[in-house]
Amino acid sequence: MQKSNEQLITELVGFVSEMVPVNVEDMRGKLSGLLSTYAVEKVEDDETHPDLTDNVKLYLANKKLEGMALNSLKSYKYELNTFSSFVKKRTEDITAGDIRIYLAQFEHLKLSSLSKKLTVLKSFFGWITGEEIILRDPTSRLKAPKKEQRAPKSLSIEELEMLREVCKLPRERAMLEVFYATGCRLSEIQALNKDDINLQSMSCRVIGKGNKEREVFFSFKAMYHLRKYLMTRTDDQEALFITLRKPYRRVGHRAIQREFKRIAERIGLGHKVHPHVCRHTFATLTLNNGADIVAVQQLLGHSSPATTQTYAILSDERKREQHKKYLVQ
């Protein structure tokens, strides 16, 4: 630390003496006294600047207070730390060019992934500009790349039935039916407890993104297989889904994902099936069957109907049916 102070004093004295005539020794003494109460540390060119790191921590702390979901916080932290390690500048010195160069190294990623990275950076720089930590937002003129207009991948009715048939364990079938019937996210189902289920109304309340609570519903088929699974358990765990082996505990996110993959591999769909596909399937099939889009939006916990609209892709059979039913001849 002392060495850094002395180096800074030498550079400051040299810089000022080139501009105006000064008593070098006198100036060095005064600067030494002034900086004696400061801890100066030189940031090397290959080091992440602590100013940017501190601002990232401040931003993430604010997002946590606002109720951002834990998984989203982890994702934002990873993206911003990756950016900080690449740029290695003070926050106020970062330019739009720096951000373009950073994003250009991910040319192998899909446009949707690039757009996500830029969204995180826009949120970060927009917030610290609003807090007047920096004077200008370097992302203000950067436009997100146009996303591919593709409908979310979902299962056909035939594929869903095939998955049901190859389930071997009561837990497998119960998971599949609960995920499909409720349209819930992985984190929402993973956090459920047995006591959360209202057997009379065949429903439960889940906590979704932004710490928002909503009610979701089970089908008769989901309730039947859920009860069948719970009857096999002799543990005292509160979690709705637990591990198969002792010591019994709440099943984790990765374990649920592996469970879905194992089921799907039995019919050659291992590459296509994961928990979130059940959510896509719920939305697509219910909308295809004539469900009101506002109702589906609320069941999914979408803040905007535009998000739900991406699922409203009618099948060819449904299109023909609608044409025949509503065409004025």
Protein backbone atom coordinates (compact mmCIF):
# COMPACT_ATOMS: atom_id res chain seq x y z
CA MET A 1 0.00 0.00 0.00
CA GLN A 2 2.84 2.40 0.91
CA LYS A 3 4.53 1.67 -2.40
CA SER A 4 1.32 2.56 -4.27
CA ASN A 5 1.07 5.88 -2.38
CA GLU A 6 4.63 6.78 -3.27
CA GLN A 7 4.11 5.83 -6.91
CA LEU A 8 0.99 8.00 -7.08
CA ILE A 9 2.82 10.97 -5.51
CA THR A 10 5.71 10.62 -7.97
CA GLU A 11 3.32 10.51 -10.95
CA LEU A 12 1.29 13.49 -9.68
CA VAL A 13 4.40 15.61 -9.02
CA GLY A 14 5.77 14.74 -12.45
CA PHE A 15 2.46 15.54 -14.15
CA VAL A 16 1.99 18.94 -12.42
CA SER A 17 5.63 20.01 -12.82
CA GLU A 18 5.34 19.58 -16.60
CA MET A 19 2.43 22.04 -16.66
CA VAL A 20 3.46 24.71 -14.15
CA PRO A 21 6.71 25.56 -12.32
CA VAL A 22 6.60 24.10 -8.80
CA ASN A 23 8.96 23.27 -5.98
CA VAL A 24 9.10 19.50 -6.49
CA GLU A 25 10.30 18.61 -2.99
CA ASP A 26 7.84 20.94 -1.31
CA MET A 27 4.96 19.55 -3.36
CA ARG A 28 6.03 15.97 -2.66
CA GLY A 29 6.04 16.66 1.09
CA LYS A 30 2.58 18.23 1.05
CA LEU A 31 1.12 15.38 -1.02
CA SER A 32 2.69 12.81 1.31
CA GLY A 33 0.98 14.46 4.28
CA LEU A 34 -2.34 14.69 2.45
CA LEU A 35 -2.33 11.04 1.30
CA SER A 36 -1.10 9.66 4.62
CA THR A 37 -4.70 9.15 5.75
CA TYR A 38 -5.68 7.34 2.51
CA ALA A 39 -5.09 3.75 1.43
CA VAL A 40 -4.11 3.94 -2.24
CA GLU A 41 -3.90 0.76 -4.28
CA LYS A 42 -2.90 0.63 -7.93
CA VAL A 43 -5.21 -1.32 -10.21
CA GLU A 44 -3.23 -3.30 -12.77
CA ASP A 45 -4.35 -3.49 -16.39
CA ASP A 46 -5.27 -7.17 -16.02
CA GLU A 47 -7.37 -6.66 -12.87
CA THR A 48 -11.09 -5.99 -12.56
CA HIS A 49 -11.56 -2.41 -11.36
CA PRO A 50 -12.95 -2.30 -7.79
CA ASP A 51 -15.14 0.70 -8.68
CA LEU A 52 -17.10 -1.41 -11.18
CA THR A 53 -17.21 -4.37 -8.80
CA ASP A 54 -18.61 -2.19 -5.99
CA ASN A 55 -21.29 -0.74 -8.26
CA VAL A 56 -22.33 -4.24 -9.37
CA LYS A 57 -22.68 -5.28 -5.72
CA LEU A 58 -24.75 -2.16 -4.98
CA TYR A 59 -27.03 -2.82 -7.97
CA LEU A 60 -27.58 -6.49 -7.02
CA ALA A 61 -28.34 -5.53 -3.42
CA ASN A 62 -31.01 -3.15 -4.70
CA LYS A 63 -32.50 -5.85 -6.94
CA LYS A 64 -32.65 -8.22 -3.98
CA LEU A 65 -34.54 -5.61 -1.95
CA GLU A 66 -36.96 -5.18 -4.87
CA GLY A 67 -37.79 -8.88 -4.64
CA MET A 68 -35.94 -10.27 -7.65
CA ALA A 69 -36.06 -14.10 -7.67
CA LEU A 70 -32.96 -15.89 -6.38
CA ASN A 71 -32.29 -17.64 -9.69
CA SER A 72 -32.54 -14.34 -11.56
CA LEU A 73 -30.16 -12.72 -9.06
CA LYS A 74 -27.63 -15.49 -9.64
CA SER A 75 -27.97 -15.08 -13.40
CA TYR A 76 -27.55 -11.28 -13.23
CA LYS A 77 -24.55 -11.65 -10.92
CA TYR A 78 -22.87 -14.08 -13.30
CA GLU A 79 -23.49 -11.86 -16.35
CA LEU A 80 -22.23 -8.69 -14.65
CA ASN A 81 -19.16 -10.38 -13.14
CA THR A 82 -18.28 -11.78 -16.57
CA PHE A 83 -18.62 -8.30 -18.05
CA SER A 84 -16.53 -6.71 -15.26
CA SER A 85 -13.72 -9.25 -15.78
CA PHE A 86 -13.66 -8.44 -19.49
CA VAL A 87 -13.82 -4.61 -19.40
CA LYS A 88 -11.57 -3.85 -16.37
CA LYS A 89 -12.44 -0.12 -16.26
CA ARG A 90 -13.97 2.39 -13.90
CA THR A 91 -17.73 2.44 -14.38
CA GLU A 92 -17.81 6.03 -15.66
CA ASP A 93 -15.11 5.28 -18.25
CA ILE A 94 -17.04 2.45 -19.94
CA THR A 95 -18.29 3.36 -23.42
CA ALA A 96 -20.82 1.93 -25.85
CA GLY A 97 -17.84 0.69 -27.87
CA ASP A 98 -16.58 -1.34 -24.90
CA ILE A 99 -19.98 -3.00 -24.61
CA ARG A 100 -20.16 -3.75 -28.35
CA ILE A 101 -16.69 -5.34 -28.25
CA TYR A 102 -17.73 -7.40 -25.23
CA LEU A 103 -20.90 -8.69 -26.90
CA ALA A 104 -19.08 -9.37 -30.18
CA GLN A 105 -17.09 -12.18 -28.57
CA PHE A 106 -20.32 -14.17 -28.16
CA GLU A 107 -21.05 -14.44 -31.87
CA HIS A 108 -21.61 -18.20 -31.43
CA LEU A 109 -24.67 -17.57 -29.21
CA LYS A 110 -28.26 -17.26 -30.39
CA LEU A 111 -29.69 -13.77 -30.76
CA SER A 112 -31.98 -14.41 -27.81
CA SER A 113 -28.95 -15.13 -25.59
CA LEU A 114 -27.17 -11.98 -26.77
CA SER A 115 -30.32 -10.00 -26.15
CA LYS A 116 -30.45 -11.33 -22.58
CA LYS A 117 -26.85 -10.21 -21.93
CA LEU A 118 -27.61 -6.73 -23.25
CA THR A 119 -30.82 -6.57 -21.20
CA VAL A 120 -28.81 -7.19 -18.01
CA LEU A 121 -26.28 -4.50 -18.94
CA LYS A 122 -29.04 -2.02 -19.82
CA SER A 123 -30.70 -2.65 -16.48
CA PHE A 124 -27.42 -2.18 -14.59
CA PHE A 125 -26.27 0.99 -16.36
CA GLY A 126 -29.79 2.43 -16.41
CA TRP A 127 -30.02 2.02 -12.64
CA ILE A 128 -26.62 3.52 -11.76
CA THR A 129 -27.32 6.43 -14.12
CA GLY A 130 -30.66 7.00 -12.40
CA GLU A 131 -28.87 6.93 -9.06
CA GLU A 132 -26.46 9.58 -10.46
CA ILE A 133 -23.43 7.36 -9.85
CA ILE A 134 -22.47 8.04 -13.46
CA LEU A 135 -23.59 10.92 -15.68
CA ARG A 136 -24.45 9.04 -18.87
CA ASP A 137 -25.75 5.60 -19.77
CA PRO A 138 -23.43 3.92 -22.33
CA THR A 139 -26.19 1.44 -23.27
CA SER A 140 -28.83 4.08 -24.11
CA ARG A 141 -28.18 3.91 -27.87
CA LEU A 142 -27.61 0.17 -28.06
CA LYS A 143 -30.55 -1.75 -29.51
CA ALA A 144 -31.24 -5.37 -28.68
CA PRO A 145 -30.92 -7.76 -31.65
CA LYS A 146 -34.21 -8.93 -33.11
CA LYS A 147 -35.21 -12.22 -31.56
CA GLU A 148 -36.09 -15.24 -33.61
CA GLN A 149 -39.87 -15.43 -33.94
CA ARG A 150 -40.37 -19.01 -32.85
CA ALA A 151 -43.14 -20.55 -30.81
CA PRO A 152 -41.96 -22.12 -27.54
CA LYS A 153 -41.37 -25.86 -27.96
CA SER A 154 -44.11 -27.98 -26.49
CA LEU A 155 -45.16 -31.62 -26.52
CA SER A 156 -47.88 -32.99 -28.75
CA ILE A 157 -50.77 -34.85 -27.12
CA GLU A 158 -49.26 -38.11 -28.44
CA GLU A 159 -45.84 -37.36 -26.91
CA LEU A 160 -47.45 -36.48 -23.58
CA GLU A 161 -49.32 -39.79 -23.56
CA MET A 162 -46.13 -41.68 -24.42
CA LEU A 163 -44.35 -40.07 -21.45
CA ARG A 164 -47.20 -41.06 -19.17
CA GLU A 165 -47.02 -44.66 -20.30
CA VAL A 166 -43.27 -45.07 -19.66
CA CYS A 167 -43.31 -43.70 -16.11
CA LYS A 168 -42.18 -46.52 -13.80
CA LEU A 169 -42.26 -45.00 -10.31
CA PRO A 170 -45.21 -43.24 -8.61
CA ARG A 171 -43.00 -40.17 -8.09
CA GLU A 172 -42.20 -39.95 -11.82
CA ARG A 173 -45.86 -39.98 -12.86
CA ALA A 174 -46.86 -37.59 -10.07
CA MET A 175 -44.18 -35.09 -11.11
CA LEU A 176 -45.17 -35.26 -14.76
CA GLU A 177 -48.87 -34.76 -14.03
CA VAL A 178 -48.33 -31.94 -11.50
CA PHE A 179 -45.99 -29.99 -13.79
CA TYR A 180 -48.35 -30.36 -16.77
CA ALA A 181 -51.64 -29.71 -14.94
CA THR A 182 -50.45 -26.58 -13.10
CA GLY A 183 -48.16 -25.08 -15.76
CA CYS A 184 -45.80 -24.10 -12.95
CA ARG A 185 -42.12 -23.24 -13.15
CA LEU A 186 -39.54 -25.66 -11.78
CA SER A 187 -38.71 -23.43 -8.79
CA GLU A 188 -42.40 -23.11 -7.90
CA ILE A 189 -43.02 -26.87 -7.79
CA GLN A 190 -39.71 -27.61 -6.06
CA ALA A 191 -40.63 -25.27 -3.19
CA LEU A 192 -44.09 -26.78 -2.57
CA ASN A 193 -44.95 -28.58 0.67
CA LYS A 194 -47.60 -31.26 1.21
CA ASP A 195 -49.66 -28.89 3.35
CA ASP A 196 -49.79 -26.35 0.52
CA ILE A 197 -52.22 -28.57 -1.41
CA ASN A 198 -55.93 -27.86 -0.90
CA LEU A 199 -57.50 -31.26 -1.54
CA GLN A 200 -61.07 -29.90 -1.65
CA SER A 201 -60.45 -27.25 -4.32
CA MET A 202 -57.66 -29.28 -5.97
CA SER A 203 -55.45 -26.20 -5.96
CA CYS A 204 -52.50 -24.55 -4.25
CA ARG A 205 -50.82 -21.17 -4.09
CA VAL A 206 -47.30 -20.74 -5.44
CA ILE A 207 -44.77 -17.92 -5.25
CA GLY A 208 -43.58 -16.94 -8.72
CA LYS A 209 -41.27 -14.34 -10.23
CA GLY A 210 -41.09 -11.02 -8.43
CA ASN A 211 -42.31 -12.75 -5.25
CA LYS A 212 -45.86 -12.70 -6.66
CA GLU A 213 -48.35 -15.24 -5.34
CA ARG A 214 -50.98 -16.92 -7.52
CA GLU A 215 -53.37 -19.86 -7.36
CA VAL A 216 -52.87 -22.86 -9.66
CA PHE A 217 -55.07 -25.92 -10.15
CA PHE A 218 -54.64 -29.69 -10.42
CA SER A 219 -56.44 -32.04 -12.77
CA PHE A 220 -58.22 -35.18 -11.49
CA LYS A 221 -55.43 -37.19 -13.06
CA ALA A 222 -52.74 -35.13 -11.30
CA MET A 223 -54.49 -35.46 -7.93
CA TYR A 224 -54.89 -39.22 -8.35
CA HIS A 225 -51.20 -39.81 -9.09
CA LEU A 226 -50.07 -37.31 -6.46
CA ARG A 227 -52.10 -39.13 -3.79
CA LYS A 228 -50.77 -42.45 -5.03
CA TYR A 229 -47.18 -41.16 -4.68
CA LEU A 230 -47.77 -39.68 -1.21
CA MET A 231 -49.24 -42.99 0.01
CA THR A 232 -45.88 -44.67 -0.72
CA ARG A 233 -44.06 -42.34 1.65
CA THR A 234 -43.31 -43.13 5.29
CA ASP A 235 -41.11 -40.10 6.02
CA ASP A 236 -41.90 -36.99 8.02
CA GLN A 237 -40.60 -34.50 5.46
CA GLU A 238 -42.83 -31.50 4.68
CA ALA A 239 -41.72 -31.21 1.04
CA LEU A 240 -44.15 -32.33 -1.66
CA PHE A 241 -41.41 -34.11 -3.62
CA ILE A 242 -38.44 -35.70 -1.83
CA THR A 243 -35.40 -37.79 -2.74
CA LEU A 244 -35.83 -41.52 -3.34
CA ARG A 245 -33.05 -42.52 -0.95
CA LYS A 246 -32.24 -41.75 2.67
CA PRO A 247 -31.57 -39.33 4.19
CA TYR A 248 -34.87 -38.07 2.74
CA ARG A 249 -34.91 -34.39 1.89
CA ARG A 250 -36.52 -31.97 -0.56
CA VAL A 251 -35.59 -32.95 -4.10
CA GLY A 252 -33.34 -30.38 -5.83
CA HIS A 253 -33.72 -28.58 -9.14
CA ARG A 254 -31.08 -30.69 -10.91
CA ALA A 255 -32.58 -33.94 -9.61
CA ILE A 256 -35.99 -33.01 -11.05
CA GLN A 257 -34.39 -32.16 -14.39
CA ARG A 258 -32.58 -35.52 -14.42
CA GLU A 259 -35.85 -37.30 -13.58
CA PHE A 260 -37.57 -35.80 -16.62
CA LYS A 261 -34.61 -36.68 -18.84
CA ARG A 262 -34.64 -40.31 -17.66
CA ILE A 263 -38.35 -40.63 -18.43
CA ALA A 264 -37.95 -39.02 -21.86
CA GLU A 265 -34.95 -41.17 -22.84
CA ARG A 266 -37.14 -44.27 -22.64
CA ILE A 267 -38.99 -43.07 -25.75
CA GLY A 268 -36.09 -41.26 -27.45
CA LEU A 269 -37.12 -37.73 -26.42
CA GLY A 270 -34.28 -37.03 -23.97
CA HIS A 271 -33.12 -34.03 -25.99
CA LYS A 272 -36.55 -32.42 -25.98
CA VAL A 273 -38.13 -32.96 -22.58
CA HIS A 274 -37.39 -30.94 -19.44
CA PRO A 275 -39.66 -29.51 -16.70
CA HIS A 276 -40.26 -26.20 -18.52
CA VAL A 277 -41.57 -28.07 -21.58
CA CYS A 278 -44.55 -29.12 -19.44
CA ARG A 279 -45.27 -25.41 -18.87
CA HIS A 280 -45.08 -24.74 -22.62
CA THR A 281 -47.33 -27.76 -23.26
CA PHE A 282 -49.89 -26.61 -20.69
CA ALA A 283 -50.08 -23.16 -22.29
CA THR A 284 -50.16 -24.35 -25.91
CA LEU A 285 -52.71 -27.13 -25.47
CA THR A 286 -55.08 -25.09 -23.28
CA LEU A 287 -55.04 -22.16 -25.71
CA ASN A 288 -55.44 -24.53 -28.63
CA ASN A 289 -58.46 -25.98 -26.86
CA GLY A 290 -60.14 -22.57 -26.65
CA ALA A 291 -59.02 -21.23 -23.25
CA ASP A 292 -59.23 -17.48 -22.66
CA ILE A 293 -55.77 -15.96 -23.07
CA VAL A 294 -56.20 -13.68 -20.01
CA ALA A 295 -57.03 -16.70 -17.84
CA VAL A 296 -53.98 -18.58 -19.12
CA GLN A 297 -51.84 -15.48 -18.50
CA GLN A 298 -52.91 -15.42 -14.86
CA LEU A 299 -52.48 -19.18 -14.43
CA LEU A 300 -48.92 -18.93 -15.78
CA GLY A 301 -48.11 -15.84 -13.72
CA HIS A 302 -47.14 -13.72 -16.72
CA SER A 303 -47.03 -9.99 -16.04
CA SER A 304 -47.77 -9.19 -19.68
CA PRO A 305 -50.31 -10.81 -22.07
CA ALA A 306 -47.71 -10.42 -24.83
CA THR A 307 -45.67 -13.19 -23.18
CA THR A 308 -48.67 -15.52 -23.12
CA GLN A 309 -49.45 -14.63 -26.74
CA THR A 310 -46.32 -16.47 -27.90
CA TYR A 311 -48.09 -19.74 -27.05
CA ALA A 312 -51.21 -18.93 -29.06
CA ILE A 313 -50.10 -20.88 -32.14
CA LEU A 314 -53.03 -22.89 -33.41
CA SER A 315 -52.56 -26.40 -34.79
CA ASP A 316 -53.56 -27.04 -38.42
CA GLU A 317 -56.58 -29.01 -37.24
CA ARG A 318 -57.68 -26.17 -34.97
CA LYS A 319 -57.23 -23.64 -37.79
CA ARG A 320 -59.48 -25.69 -40.09
CA GLU A 321 -62.06 -26.02 -37.33
CA GLN A 322 -62.07 -22.26 -36.66
CA HIS A 323 -62.30 -21.47 -40.38
CA LYS A 324 -65.28 -23.78 -40.87
CA LYS A 325 -67.02 -22.51 -37.70
CA TYR A 326 -66.61 -18.74 -38.13
CA LEU A 327 -66.33 -18.04 -41.90
CA VAL A 328 -69.26 -16.00 -43.15
CA GLN A 329 -70.30 -17.62 -46.42
